[in-house]
């Protein structure tokens, strides 16, 4: 009995140790945190959003170019300088010594200043200058009529021509949206200018912006 007890005493600790070893479960592997890959085709909001279209430029105000219909009685002639936009010759009326001329030019300066300059081109006047205004398709046109002795251009630095009696001027200043003014100026013998008054008015009433 004593020997058997001693053997069991030696075996039991070994059995207990084996049992304890078998009861232990292997530790779970530690999870490694890895960044999630972006989904295929995914993009940032900036990349996905289309570029905003640039706003169309606001339509500018109509420019300063004018068009008109010249009557058949106005014969086109070469412009004597770069300031002229057009030049027309008007055939003289019976009894007059020369043709009249209609010049078209564009420049700055106020309407009043230019009318004063035109009046100053006549050294002697036959009656008071006449003036009225038109509205041609939204274009303001100031018309002036002067009669008397024509003494020259009246431009600073320009020599005055020899005075011509019995002359007349039909002048019109058209103000366009660009801020510039167009000048339609007919000068010549009084009879010829008077006879061309109807055609001059027709030209003014045909004015339009290009």
N, C-alpha and C. Protein backbone atom coordinates (compact mmCIF):
# COMPACT_ATOMS: atom_id res chain seq x y z
N UNK A 1 0.83 -1.20 0.00
CA UNK A 1 0.00 0.00 0.00
C UNK A 1 0.85 1.23 0.00
N UNK A 2 1.88 1.15 0.78
CA UNK A 2 2.72 2.35 0.87
C UNK A 2 3.36 2.66 -0.45
N UNK A 3 3.84 1.68 -1.19
CA UNK A 3 4.53 1.89 -2.47
C UNK A 3 3.55 2.41 -3.52
N UNK A 4 2.30 1.83 -3.49
CA UNK A 4 1.31 2.29 -4.48
C UNK A 4 0.97 3.74 -4.22
N UNK A 5 0.84 4.08 -2.94
CA UNK A 5 0.49 5.47 -2.60
C UNK A 5 1.56 6.42 -3.06
N UNK A 6 2.80 6.04 -2.92
CA UNK A 6 3.91 6.89 -3.33
C UNK A 6 3.93 7.06 -4.85
N UNK A 7 3.64 5.98 -5.55
CA UNK A 7 3.63 6.11 -7.02
C UNK A 7 2.53 7.07 -7.48
N UNK A 8 1.31 6.90 -6.84
CA UNK A 8 0.23 7.81 -7.22
C UNK A 8 0.55 9.25 -6.87
N UNK A 9 1.27 9.40 -5.78
CA UNK A 9 1.65 10.76 -5.38
C UNK A 9 2.56 11.40 -6.39
N UNK A 10 3.41 10.61 -7.07
CA UNK A 10 4.30 11.15 -8.09
C UNK A 10 3.57 11.38 -9.42
N UNK A 11 2.60 10.46 -9.70
CA UNK A 11 1.92 10.55 -11.00
C UNK A 11 0.89 11.67 -11.02
N UNK A 12 0.18 11.87 -9.91
CA UNK A 12 -0.91 12.85 -9.89
C UNK A 12 -0.46 14.26 -10.24
N UNK A 13 0.64 14.79 -9.75
CA UNK A 13 1.05 16.14 -10.16
C UNK A 13 1.31 16.26 -11.65
N UNK A 14 1.88 15.14 -12.22
CA UNK A 14 2.17 15.17 -13.65
C UNK A 14 0.89 15.21 -14.47
N UNK A 15 -0.13 14.39 -14.00
CA UNK A 15 -1.41 14.37 -14.70
C UNK A 15 -2.08 15.74 -14.61
N UNK A 16 -2.01 16.34 -13.41
CA UNK A 16 -2.64 17.66 -13.24
C UNK A 16 -1.98 18.70 -14.13
N UNK A 17 -0.66 18.58 -14.26
CA UNK A 17 0.04 19.54 -15.11
C UNK A 17 -0.37 19.38 -16.56
N UNK A 18 -0.48 18.12 -17.03
CA UNK A 18 -0.89 17.87 -18.42
C UNK A 18 -2.30 18.36 -18.66
N UNK A 19 -3.19 18.12 -17.68
CA UNK A 19 -4.59 18.57 -17.84
C UNK A 19 -4.66 20.08 -17.94
N UNK A 20 -3.88 20.74 -17.12
CA UNK A 20 -3.90 22.21 -17.15
C UNK A 20 -3.39 22.74 -18.48
N UNK A 21 -2.35 22.03 -19.00
CA UNK A 21 -1.81 22.47 -20.28
C UNK A 21 -2.80 22.29 -21.40
N UNK A 22 -3.56 21.18 -21.34
CA UNK A 22 -4.53 20.92 -22.41
C UNK A 22 -5.72 21.87 -22.34
N UNK A 23 -6.06 22.33 -21.13
CA UNK A 23 -7.24 23.21 -21.01
C UNK A 23 -7.02 24.62 -21.50
N UNK A 24 -5.76 25.06 -21.68
CA UNK A 24 -5.48 26.42 -22.14
C UNK A 24 -5.76 26.54 -23.64
N UNK A 25 -6.49 27.56 -24.04
CA UNK A 25 -6.77 27.82 -25.47
C UNK A 25 -5.71 28.76 -26.01
N UNK A 26 -5.32 28.56 -27.26
CA UNK A 26 -4.30 29.43 -27.84
C UNK A 26 -4.81 30.86 -27.93
N UNK A 27 -3.96 31.83 -27.68
CA UNK A 27 -4.39 33.22 -27.73
C UNK A 27 -4.80 33.63 -29.13
N UNK A 28 -5.83 34.53 -29.23
CA UNK A 28 -6.29 35.03 -30.53
C UNK A 28 -5.23 35.95 -31.13
N UNK A 29 -5.07 35.85 -32.40
CA UNK A 29 -4.08 36.75 -33.03
C UNK A 29 -4.52 38.20 -32.90
N UNK A 30 -3.55 39.06 -32.69
CA UNK A 30 -3.84 40.50 -32.55
C UNK A 30 -4.21 41.07 -33.92
N UNK A 31 -5.33 41.80 -33.97
CA UNK A 31 -5.77 42.39 -35.25
C UNK A 31 -4.88 43.56 -35.61
N UNK A 32 -4.43 43.58 -36.85
CA UNK A 32 -3.60 44.69 -37.34
C UNK A 32 -4.49 45.68 -38.08
N UNK A 33 -4.45 46.94 -37.65
CA UNK A 33 -5.31 47.96 -38.29
C UNK A 33 -4.63 48.46 -39.55
N UNK A 34 -5.25 48.24 -40.71
CA UNK A 34 -4.73 48.72 -42.00
C UNK A 34 -5.74 49.68 -42.58
N UNK A 35 -5.29 50.76 -43.22
CA UNK A 35 -6.23 51.73 -43.79
C UNK A 35 -7.04 51.13 -44.91
N UNK A 36 -8.31 51.47 -44.94
CA UNK A 36 -9.18 50.94 -46.00
C UNK A 36 -8.83 51.58 -47.32
N UNK A 37 -8.73 50.78 -48.35
CA UNK A 37 -8.42 51.31 -49.71
C UNK A 37 -9.63 52.03 -50.25
N UNK A 38 -9.46 53.13 -50.94
CA UNK A 38 -10.62 53.84 -51.50
C UNK A 38 -11.31 53.01 -52.55
N UNK A 39 -12.62 53.18 -52.59
CA UNK A 39 -13.40 52.43 -53.58
C UNK A 39 -12.99 52.85 -54.98
N UNK A 40 -13.04 51.87 -55.91
CA UNK A 40 -12.65 52.15 -57.29
C UNK A 40 -13.54 53.24 -57.88
N UNK A 41 -12.90 54.25 -58.53
CA UNK A 41 -13.66 55.31 -59.17
C UNK A 41 -14.08 56.41 -58.22
N UNK A 42 -13.80 56.25 -56.90
CA UNK A 42 -14.19 57.30 -55.97
C UNK A 42 -13.30 58.51 -56.16
N UNK A 43 -13.86 59.70 -56.07
CA UNK A 43 -13.08 60.93 -56.24
C UNK A 43 -13.60 61.94 -55.25
N UNK A 44 -12.81 62.94 -55.03
CA UNK A 44 -13.23 63.99 -54.11
C UNK A 44 -14.31 64.83 -54.76
N UNK A 45 -15.01 65.56 -53.92
CA UNK A 45 -16.09 66.41 -54.44
C UNK A 45 -15.55 67.43 -55.42
N UNK A 46 -14.33 67.96 -55.15
CA UNK A 46 -13.75 68.96 -56.05
C UNK A 46 -13.48 68.38 -57.41
N UNK A 47 -12.99 67.09 -57.41
CA UNK A 47 -12.66 66.48 -58.70
C UNK A 47 -13.92 66.14 -59.48
N UNK A 48 -14.99 65.71 -58.73
CA UNK A 48 -16.21 65.30 -59.41
C UNK A 48 -16.99 66.49 -59.94
N UNK A 49 -16.98 67.60 -59.21
CA UNK A 49 -17.80 68.75 -59.61
C UNK A 49 -17.22 69.39 -60.86
N UNK A 50 -18.01 69.58 -61.92
CA UNK A 50 -17.51 70.24 -63.13
C UNK A 50 -17.22 71.70 -62.86
N UNK A 51 -16.26 72.25 -63.60
CA UNK A 51 -15.91 73.66 -63.43
C UNK A 51 -17.11 74.53 -63.79
N UNK A 52 -17.39 75.50 -62.94
CA UNK A 52 -18.52 76.40 -63.20
C UNK A 52 -18.27 77.21 -64.45
N UNK A 53 -19.23 77.29 -65.36
CA UNK A 53 -19.01 78.07 -66.60
C UNK A 53 -18.84 79.53 -66.28
N UNK A 54 -17.95 80.19 -67.03
CA UNK A 54 -17.74 81.61 -66.83
C UNK A 54 -18.97 82.38 -67.33
N UNK A 55 -19.39 83.37 -66.55
CA UNK A 55 -20.57 84.12 -67.00
C UNK A 55 -20.29 84.85 -68.29
N UNK A 56 -21.26 84.85 -69.16
CA UNK A 56 -21.10 85.54 -70.44
C UNK A 56 -20.98 87.03 -70.19
N UNK A 57 -20.10 87.71 -70.94
CA UNK A 57 -19.98 89.15 -70.73
C UNK A 57 -21.29 89.85 -71.05
N UNK A 58 -21.58 90.82 -70.23
CA UNK A 58 -22.83 91.57 -70.45
C UNK A 58 -22.77 92.28 -71.78
N UNK A 59 -23.88 92.30 -72.41
CA UNK A 59 -23.92 92.96 -73.71
C UNK A 59 -23.63 94.43 -73.53
N UNK A 60 -22.63 94.90 -74.24
CA UNK A 60 -22.24 96.29 -74.10
C UNK A 60 -23.22 97.21 -74.80
N UNK A 61 -23.13 98.40 -74.45
CA UNK A 61 -23.99 99.38 -75.08
C UNK A 61 -23.62 99.49 -76.55
N UNK A 62 -24.59 99.78 -77.37
CA UNK A 62 -24.31 99.90 -78.79
C UNK A 62 -23.15 100.83 -79.04
N UNK A 63 -22.36 100.49 -80.05
CA UNK A 63 -21.15 101.26 -80.29
C UNK A 63 -21.42 102.61 -80.91
N UNK A 64 -20.37 103.20 -81.47
CA UNK A 64 -20.49 104.55 -81.97
C UNK A 64 -20.57 104.66 -83.47
N UNK A 65 -20.73 103.54 -84.19
CA UNK A 65 -20.77 103.60 -85.65
C UNK A 65 -22.19 103.87 -86.13
N UNK A 66 -22.28 104.76 -87.09
CA UNK A 66 -23.58 105.11 -87.67
C UNK A 66 -23.66 104.66 -89.12
N UNK A 67 -24.85 104.38 -89.54
CA UNK A 67 -25.13 104.11 -90.96
C UNK A 67 -26.27 105.02 -91.40
N UNK A 68 -26.34 105.27 -92.69
CA UNK A 68 -27.40 106.14 -93.24
C UNK A 68 -27.57 105.84 -94.72
N UNK A 69 -28.63 106.36 -95.27
CA UNK A 69 -28.91 106.20 -96.70
C UNK A 69 -28.73 107.56 -97.37
N UNK A 70 -27.75 107.65 -98.24
CA UNK A 70 -27.51 108.91 -98.96
C UNK A 70 -28.48 109.02 -100.14
N UNK A 71 -29.15 110.15 -100.29
CA UNK A 71 -30.05 110.34 -101.43
C UNK A 71 -29.28 110.25 -102.75
N UNK A 72 -29.99 109.92 -103.81
CA UNK A 72 -29.35 109.78 -105.12
C UNK A 72 -28.75 111.10 -105.60
N UNK A 73 -29.30 112.21 -105.14
CA UNK A 73 -28.78 113.52 -105.57
C UNK A 73 -27.45 113.88 -104.90
N UNK A 74 -27.04 113.11 -103.89
CA UNK A 74 -25.77 113.37 -103.20
C UNK A 74 -24.70 112.48 -103.84
N UNK A 75 -23.78 113.12 -104.53
CA UNK A 75 -22.72 112.38 -105.22
C UNK A 75 -21.53 112.17 -104.29
N UNK A 76 -21.17 110.91 -104.09
CA UNK A 76 -20.04 110.59 -103.21
C UNK A 76 -18.74 111.11 -103.80
N UNK A 77 -17.89 111.66 -102.93
CA UNK A 77 -16.60 112.23 -103.35
C UNK A 77 -15.51 111.77 -102.41
N UNK A 78 -14.23 111.85 -102.85
CA UNK A 78 -13.13 111.43 -101.97
C UNK A 78 -13.06 112.30 -100.72
N UNK A 79 -12.69 111.69 -99.60
CA UNK A 79 -12.51 112.44 -98.37
C UNK A 79 -11.18 113.19 -98.40
N UNK A 80 -11.16 114.48 -98.07
CA UNK A 80 -9.91 115.24 -98.13
C UNK A 80 -8.96 114.97 -96.98
N UNK A 81 -9.43 114.35 -95.91
CA UNK A 81 -8.56 114.05 -94.77
C UNK A 81 -9.12 112.87 -94.00
N UNK A 82 -8.33 112.40 -93.02
CA UNK A 82 -8.69 111.20 -92.27
C UNK A 82 -9.86 111.42 -91.31
N UNK A 83 -10.15 112.67 -91.00
CA UNK A 83 -11.25 112.96 -90.08
C UNK A 83 -12.62 112.73 -90.73
N UNK A 84 -12.66 112.81 -92.05
CA UNK A 84 -13.93 112.67 -92.77
C UNK A 84 -14.35 111.20 -92.82
N UNK A 85 -15.62 110.96 -92.55
CA UNK A 85 -16.20 109.63 -92.73
C UNK A 85 -16.85 109.51 -94.10
N UNK A 86 -17.29 110.64 -94.64
CA UNK A 86 -17.89 110.65 -95.97
C UNK A 86 -17.95 112.09 -96.47
N UNK A 87 -17.94 112.21 -97.78
CA UNK A 87 -18.05 113.53 -98.42
C UNK A 87 -18.99 113.39 -99.62
N UNK A 88 -19.91 114.34 -99.74
CA UNK A 88 -20.85 114.32 -100.85
C UNK A 88 -20.87 115.70 -101.53
N UNK A 89 -21.04 115.67 -102.84
CA UNK A 89 -21.22 116.90 -103.62
C UNK A 89 -22.70 117.01 -104.01
N UNK A 90 -23.25 118.21 -103.85
CA UNK A 90 -24.64 118.46 -104.21
C UNK A 90 -24.64 119.44 -105.38
N UNK A 91 -25.20 119.00 -106.49
CA UNK A 91 -25.16 119.81 -107.71
C UNK A 91 -25.81 121.17 -107.49
N UNK A 92 -25.14 122.19 -108.02
CA UNK A 92 -25.61 123.58 -107.84
C UNK A 92 -26.97 123.82 -108.45
N UNK A 93 -27.69 124.68 -107.79
CA UNK A 93 -29.00 125.09 -108.30
C UNK A 93 -28.81 126.16 -109.38
N UNK A 94 -29.76 126.33 -110.31
CA UNK A 94 -29.63 127.37 -111.34
C UNK A 94 -29.39 128.74 -110.72
N UNK A 95 -28.38 129.42 -111.24
CA UNK A 95 -28.04 130.75 -110.75
C UNK A 95 -26.92 130.76 -109.74
N UNK A 96 -26.60 129.62 -109.12
CA UNK A 96 -25.49 129.55 -108.17
C UNK A 96 -24.18 129.26 -108.89
N UNK A 97 -23.07 129.76 -108.37
CA UNK A 97 -21.78 129.65 -109.03
C UNK A 97 -21.03 128.35 -108.72
N UNK A 98 -21.45 127.64 -107.68
CA UNK A 98 -20.71 126.43 -107.32
C UNK A 98 -21.63 125.42 -106.64
N UNK A 99 -21.12 124.20 -106.53
CA UNK A 99 -21.87 123.13 -105.87
C UNK A 99 -21.80 123.32 -104.34
N UNK A 100 -22.69 122.63 -103.67
CA UNK A 100 -22.62 122.57 -102.21
C UNK A 100 -21.90 121.28 -101.82
N UNK A 101 -21.47 121.22 -100.59
CA UNK A 101 -20.75 120.04 -100.09
C UNK A 101 -21.35 119.61 -98.75
N UNK A 102 -21.48 118.30 -98.59
CA UNK A 102 -21.90 117.73 -97.31
C UNK A 102 -20.74 116.90 -96.76
N UNK A 103 -20.26 117.26 -95.61
CA UNK A 103 -19.19 116.51 -94.96
C UNK A 103 -19.74 115.75 -93.76
N UNK A 104 -19.24 114.55 -93.56
CA UNK A 104 -19.61 113.72 -92.40
C UNK A 104 -18.34 113.41 -91.63
N UNK A 105 -18.33 113.75 -90.35
CA UNK A 105 -17.15 113.50 -89.53
C UNK A 105 -17.59 113.10 -88.13
N UNK A 106 -16.65 112.61 -87.35
CA UNK A 106 -16.94 112.18 -85.99
C UNK A 106 -15.87 112.74 -85.06
N UNK A 107 -16.29 113.31 -83.94
CA UNK A 107 -15.34 113.91 -83.00
C UNK A 107 -16.01 114.11 -81.66
N UNK A 108 -15.25 114.64 -80.72
CA UNK A 108 -15.78 114.92 -79.40
C UNK A 108 -16.25 116.36 -79.30
N UNK A 109 -16.39 116.83 -78.07
CA UNK A 109 -16.87 118.19 -77.86
C UNK A 109 -18.36 118.21 -77.66
N UNK A 110 -18.80 119.18 -76.88
CA UNK A 110 -20.24 119.26 -76.59
C UNK A 110 -21.00 119.79 -77.80
N UNK A 111 -22.30 119.52 -77.79
CA UNK A 111 -23.16 119.99 -78.87
C UNK A 111 -23.14 121.52 -78.92
N UNK A 112 -23.25 122.14 -77.75
CA UNK A 112 -23.31 123.60 -77.70
C UNK A 112 -22.02 124.24 -78.24
N UNK A 113 -20.87 123.65 -77.86
CA UNK A 113 -19.60 124.21 -78.32
C UNK A 113 -19.48 124.14 -79.84
N UNK A 114 -19.94 123.05 -80.42
CA UNK A 114 -19.83 122.92 -81.87
C UNK A 114 -20.82 123.81 -82.60
N UNK A 115 -22.01 123.98 -82.04
CA UNK A 115 -22.96 124.89 -82.67
C UNK A 115 -22.44 126.33 -82.62
N UNK A 116 -21.86 126.70 -81.49
CA UNK A 116 -21.26 128.03 -81.37
C UNK A 116 -20.16 128.23 -82.40
N UNK A 117 -19.36 127.19 -82.62
CA UNK A 117 -18.29 127.27 -83.62
C UNK A 117 -18.87 127.44 -85.01
N UNK A 118 -19.93 126.72 -85.33
CA UNK A 118 -20.54 126.84 -86.65
C UNK A 118 -21.10 128.25 -86.87
N UNK A 119 -21.76 128.76 -85.87
CA UNK A 119 -22.32 130.12 -86.00
C UNK A 119 -21.20 131.14 -86.22
N UNK A 120 -20.05 130.89 -85.55
CA UNK A 120 -18.92 131.80 -85.70
C UNK A 120 -18.27 131.76 -87.07
N UNK A 121 -18.62 130.79 -87.89
CA UNK A 121 -18.06 130.72 -89.25
C UNK A 121 -18.75 131.69 -90.20
N UNK A 122 -19.83 132.31 -89.73
CA UNK A 122 -20.53 133.29 -90.55
C UNK A 122 -20.28 134.68 -89.96
N UNK A 123 -19.60 135.53 -90.74
CA UNK A 123 -19.29 136.87 -90.26
C UNK A 123 -20.52 137.78 -90.30
N UNK A 124 -21.37 137.56 -91.24
CA UNK A 124 -22.63 138.31 -91.33
C UNK A 124 -23.76 137.29 -91.51
N UNK A 125 -24.78 137.47 -90.74
CA UNK A 125 -25.86 136.49 -90.76
C UNK A 125 -27.14 137.12 -91.31
N UNK A 126 -27.84 136.30 -92.06
CA UNK A 126 -29.12 136.72 -92.60
C UNK A 126 -30.20 136.15 -91.67
N UNK A 127 -30.57 136.93 -90.67
CA UNK A 127 -31.53 136.44 -89.68
C UNK A 127 -30.85 135.59 -88.61
N UNK A 128 -31.61 135.21 -87.62
CA UNK A 128 -31.08 134.41 -86.53
C UNK A 128 -30.96 132.93 -86.94
N UNK A 129 -29.92 132.26 -86.49
CA UNK A 129 -29.81 130.82 -86.78
C UNK A 129 -31.02 130.07 -86.23
N UNK A 130 -31.48 129.08 -86.98
CA UNK A 130 -32.62 128.27 -86.57
C UNK A 130 -32.11 126.92 -86.03
N UNK A 131 -32.86 126.40 -85.07
CA UNK A 131 -32.40 125.17 -84.43
C UNK A 131 -33.60 124.34 -83.97
N UNK A 132 -33.50 123.02 -84.18
CA UNK A 132 -34.51 122.12 -83.64
C UNK A 132 -33.88 120.75 -83.41
N UNK A 133 -34.60 119.89 -82.70
CA UNK A 133 -34.07 118.57 -82.36
C UNK A 133 -34.97 117.47 -82.93
N UNK A 134 -34.32 116.34 -83.25
CA UNK A 134 -35.02 115.16 -83.73
C UNK A 134 -34.65 113.98 -82.85
N UNK A 135 -35.51 112.98 -82.85
CA UNK A 135 -35.20 111.69 -82.23
C UNK A 135 -35.38 110.64 -83.29
N UNK A 136 -34.26 110.12 -83.78
CA UNK A 136 -34.30 109.15 -84.90
C UNK A 136 -33.89 107.78 -84.35
N UNK A 137 -34.88 106.96 -84.05
CA UNK A 137 -34.58 105.62 -83.53
C UNK A 137 -33.78 105.64 -82.25
N UNK A 138 -34.05 106.61 -81.39
CA UNK A 138 -33.32 106.71 -80.13
C UNK A 138 -32.05 107.54 -80.21
N UNK A 139 -31.71 108.01 -81.39
CA UNK A 139 -30.52 108.86 -81.58
C UNK A 139 -30.96 110.32 -81.54
N UNK A 140 -30.38 111.09 -80.63
CA UNK A 140 -30.72 112.50 -80.55
C UNK A 140 -29.95 113.27 -81.61
N UNK A 141 -30.65 114.04 -82.42
CA UNK A 141 -30.05 114.80 -83.50
C UNK A 141 -30.45 116.27 -83.33
N UNK A 142 -29.45 117.13 -83.26
CA UNK A 142 -29.69 118.57 -83.18
C UNK A 142 -29.38 119.19 -84.54
N UNK A 143 -30.35 119.88 -85.11
CA UNK A 143 -30.22 120.44 -86.46
C UNK A 143 -30.15 121.96 -86.36
N UNK A 144 -29.21 122.55 -87.10
CA UNK A 144 -29.01 124.00 -87.10
C UNK A 144 -29.01 124.50 -88.54
N UNK A 145 -29.64 125.62 -88.76
CA UNK A 145 -29.66 126.25 -90.09
C UNK A 145 -29.15 127.68 -89.95
N UNK A 146 -28.11 128.02 -90.75
CA UNK A 146 -27.50 129.36 -90.68
C UNK A 146 -27.38 129.91 -92.10
N UNK A 147 -27.65 131.17 -92.24
CA UNK A 147 -27.53 131.84 -93.54
C UNK A 147 -26.77 133.14 -93.38
N UNK A 148 -26.01 133.52 -94.43
CA UNK A 148 -25.27 134.76 -94.37
C UNK A 148 -23.96 134.66 -95.15
N UNK A 149 -22.94 135.37 -94.67
CA UNK A 149 -21.62 135.37 -95.32
C UNK A 149 -20.73 134.36 -94.61
N UNK A 150 -20.32 133.35 -95.37
CA UNK A 150 -19.49 132.28 -94.79
C UNK A 150 -18.03 132.72 -94.83
N UNK A 151 -17.38 132.64 -93.66
CA UNK A 151 -16.01 133.18 -93.56
C UNK A 151 -14.93 132.12 -93.32
N UNK A 152 -15.27 130.87 -93.32
CA UNK A 152 -14.20 129.87 -93.16
C UNK A 152 -14.58 128.77 -92.19
N UNK A 153 -13.59 127.93 -91.91
CA UNK A 153 -13.84 126.74 -91.10
C UNK A 153 -14.11 127.05 -89.65
N UNK A 154 -13.47 128.12 -89.13
CA UNK A 154 -13.65 128.42 -87.73
C UNK A 154 -12.91 127.50 -86.80
N UNK A 155 -12.03 126.64 -87.34
CA UNK A 155 -11.25 125.72 -86.52
C UNK A 155 -10.00 126.43 -86.03
N UNK A 156 -9.59 126.20 -84.75
CA UNK A 156 -8.37 126.83 -84.24
C UNK A 156 -7.16 126.45 -85.09
N UNK A 157 -6.39 127.44 -85.46
CA UNK A 157 -5.18 127.18 -86.23
C UNK A 157 -5.39 127.06 -87.72
N UNK A 158 -6.64 127.10 -88.16
CA UNK A 158 -6.94 126.98 -89.58
C UNK A 158 -7.22 128.38 -90.15
N UNK A 159 -6.60 128.72 -91.26
CA UNK A 159 -6.83 130.05 -91.84
C UNK A 159 -8.24 130.17 -92.37
N UNK A 160 -8.80 131.36 -92.22
CA UNK A 160 -10.15 131.60 -92.74
C UNK A 160 -10.09 131.79 -94.24
N UNK A 161 -11.12 131.25 -94.90
CA UNK A 161 -11.17 131.42 -96.35
C UNK A 161 -11.77 132.78 -96.68
N UNK A 162 -11.72 133.14 -97.95
CA UNK A 162 -12.30 134.42 -98.37
C UNK A 162 -13.80 134.40 -98.11
N UNK A 163 -14.34 135.45 -97.53
CA UNK A 163 -15.79 135.49 -97.23
C UNK A 163 -16.63 135.28 -98.49
N UNK A 164 -17.68 134.49 -98.34
CA UNK A 164 -18.60 134.21 -99.45
C UNK A 164 -20.00 134.64 -99.03
N UNK A 165 -20.55 135.64 -99.69
CA UNK A 165 -21.92 136.07 -99.33
C UNK A 165 -22.96 135.09 -99.87
N UNK A 166 -24.16 135.24 -99.36
CA UNK A 166 -25.31 134.43 -99.80
C UNK A 166 -25.04 132.93 -99.69
N UNK A 167 -24.47 132.56 -98.57
CA UNK A 167 -24.19 131.15 -98.31
C UNK A 167 -25.15 130.64 -97.22
N UNK A 168 -25.21 129.32 -97.13
CA UNK A 168 -26.06 128.70 -96.11
C UNK A 168 -25.39 127.44 -95.57
N UNK A 169 -25.78 127.09 -94.37
CA UNK A 169 -25.29 125.85 -93.75
C UNK A 169 -26.47 125.11 -93.14
N UNK A 170 -26.54 123.82 -93.43
CA UNK A 170 -27.43 122.92 -92.72
C UNK A 170 -26.52 121.96 -91.94
N UNK A 171 -26.57 122.06 -90.63
CA UNK A 171 -25.71 121.22 -89.81
C UNK A 171 -26.52 120.35 -88.87
N UNK A 172 -26.07 119.14 -88.67
CA UNK A 172 -26.76 118.23 -87.75
C UNK A 172 -25.70 117.52 -86.91
N UNK A 173 -25.98 117.40 -85.62
CA UNK A 173 -25.09 116.70 -84.69
C UNK A 173 -25.86 115.52 -84.10
N UNK A 174 -25.41 114.31 -84.41
CA UNK A 174 -26.05 113.09 -83.91
C UNK A 174 -25.23 112.54 -82.75
N UNK A 175 -25.87 112.39 -81.60
CA UNK A 175 -25.19 111.88 -80.41
C UNK A 175 -25.43 110.38 -80.29
N UNK A 176 -24.33 109.61 -80.25
CA UNK A 176 -24.43 108.15 -80.20
C UNK A 176 -24.06 107.66 -78.80
N UNK A 177 -24.43 106.40 -78.44
CA UNK A 177 -24.20 105.89 -77.08
C UNK A 177 -22.74 105.86 -76.64
N UNK A 178 -21.81 105.81 -77.59
CA UNK A 178 -20.39 105.75 -77.21
C UNK A 178 -19.92 107.06 -76.59
N UNK A 179 -20.71 108.13 -76.72
CA UNK A 179 -20.33 109.42 -76.17
C UNK A 179 -19.80 110.39 -77.21
N UNK A 180 -19.50 109.87 -78.39
CA UNK A 180 -19.02 110.74 -79.46
C UNK A 180 -20.20 111.34 -80.23
N UNK A 181 -19.88 112.31 -81.05
CA UNK A 181 -20.91 112.94 -81.88
C UNK A 181 -20.52 112.82 -83.35
N UNK A 182 -21.53 112.67 -84.17
CA UNK A 182 -21.34 112.65 -85.63
C UNK A 182 -21.87 113.97 -86.18
N UNK A 183 -21.09 114.56 -87.11
CA UNK A 183 -21.43 115.86 -87.66
C UNK A 183 -21.77 115.72 -89.15
N UNK A 184 -22.95 116.17 -89.50
CA UNK A 184 -23.39 116.21 -90.89
C UNK A 184 -23.54 117.69 -91.24
N UNK A 185 -22.66 118.18 -92.09
CA UNK A 185 -22.57 119.62 -92.33
C UNK A 185 -22.60 119.91 -93.83
N UNK A 186 -23.68 120.53 -94.24
CA UNK A 186 -23.82 120.93 -95.64
C UNK A 186 -23.61 122.44 -95.75
N UNK A 187 -22.68 122.84 -96.61
CA UNK A 187 -22.41 124.26 -96.84
C UNK A 187 -22.37 124.52 -98.34
N UNK A 188 -22.77 125.72 -98.71
CA UNK A 188 -22.72 126.08 -100.13
C UNK A 188 -23.64 127.26 -100.40
N UNK A 189 -23.81 127.58 -101.67
CA UNK A 189 -24.69 128.70 -102.03
C UNK A 189 -26.09 128.50 -101.46
N UNK A 190 -26.71 129.59 -101.07
CA UNK A 190 -27.99 129.51 -100.35
C UNK A 190 -29.06 128.79 -101.15
N UNK A 191 -29.17 129.08 -102.45
CA UNK A 191 -30.20 128.43 -103.25
C UNK A 191 -29.99 126.92 -103.31
N UNK A 192 -28.75 126.51 -103.49
CA UNK A 192 -28.44 125.08 -103.61
C UNK A 192 -28.73 124.34 -102.30
N UNK A 193 -28.32 124.95 -101.19
CA UNK A 193 -28.56 124.32 -99.89
C UNK A 193 -30.05 124.25 -99.60
N UNK A 194 -30.76 125.31 -99.92
CA UNK A 194 -32.21 125.32 -99.69
C UNK A 194 -32.91 124.26 -100.52
N UNK A 195 -32.48 124.09 -101.77
CA UNK A 195 -33.09 123.09 -102.64
C UNK A 195 -32.81 121.66 -102.16
N UNK A 196 -31.69 121.47 -101.46
CA UNK A 196 -31.31 120.13 -100.99
C UNK A 196 -31.84 119.83 -99.59
N UNK A 197 -32.63 120.74 -99.04
CA UNK A 197 -33.10 120.56 -97.65
C UNK A 197 -33.91 119.27 -97.47
N UNK A 198 -34.78 118.96 -98.43
CA UNK A 198 -35.60 117.75 -98.33
C UNK A 198 -34.75 116.49 -98.28
N UNK A 199 -33.73 116.41 -99.16
CA UNK A 199 -32.87 115.23 -99.18
C UNK A 199 -31.99 115.16 -97.92
N UNK A 200 -31.59 116.32 -97.42
CA UNK A 200 -30.82 116.35 -96.18
C UNK A 200 -31.65 115.76 -95.02
N UNK A 201 -32.92 116.15 -94.96
CA UNK A 201 -33.79 115.63 -93.91
C UNK A 201 -34.00 114.12 -94.06
N UNK A 202 -34.10 113.64 -95.31
CA UNK A 202 -34.25 112.20 -95.54
C UNK A 202 -33.04 111.43 -95.03
N UNK A 203 -31.85 111.98 -95.29
CA UNK A 203 -30.63 111.33 -94.80
C UNK A 203 -30.65 111.24 -93.27
N UNK A 204 -31.01 112.35 -92.62
CA UNK A 204 -31.04 112.34 -91.15
C UNK A 204 -32.03 111.32 -90.61
N UNK A 205 -33.17 111.22 -91.25
CA UNK A 205 -34.19 110.27 -90.78
C UNK A 205 -33.85 108.81 -91.06
N UNK A 206 -32.78 108.58 -91.84
CA UNK A 206 -32.34 107.20 -92.09
C UNK A 206 -31.22 106.77 -91.16
N UNK A 207 -30.80 107.66 -90.25
CA UNK A 207 -29.67 107.33 -89.36
C UNK A 207 -30.00 106.14 -88.48
N UNK A 208 -29.02 105.29 -88.26
CA UNK A 208 -29.18 104.10 -87.43
C UNK A 208 -27.82 103.62 -86.96
N UNK A 209 -27.80 102.96 -85.84
CA UNK A 209 -26.56 102.38 -85.33
C UNK A 209 -26.25 101.09 -86.06
N UNK A 210 -24.97 100.90 -86.34
CA UNK A 210 -24.57 99.64 -87.00
C UNK A 210 -24.60 98.50 -85.99
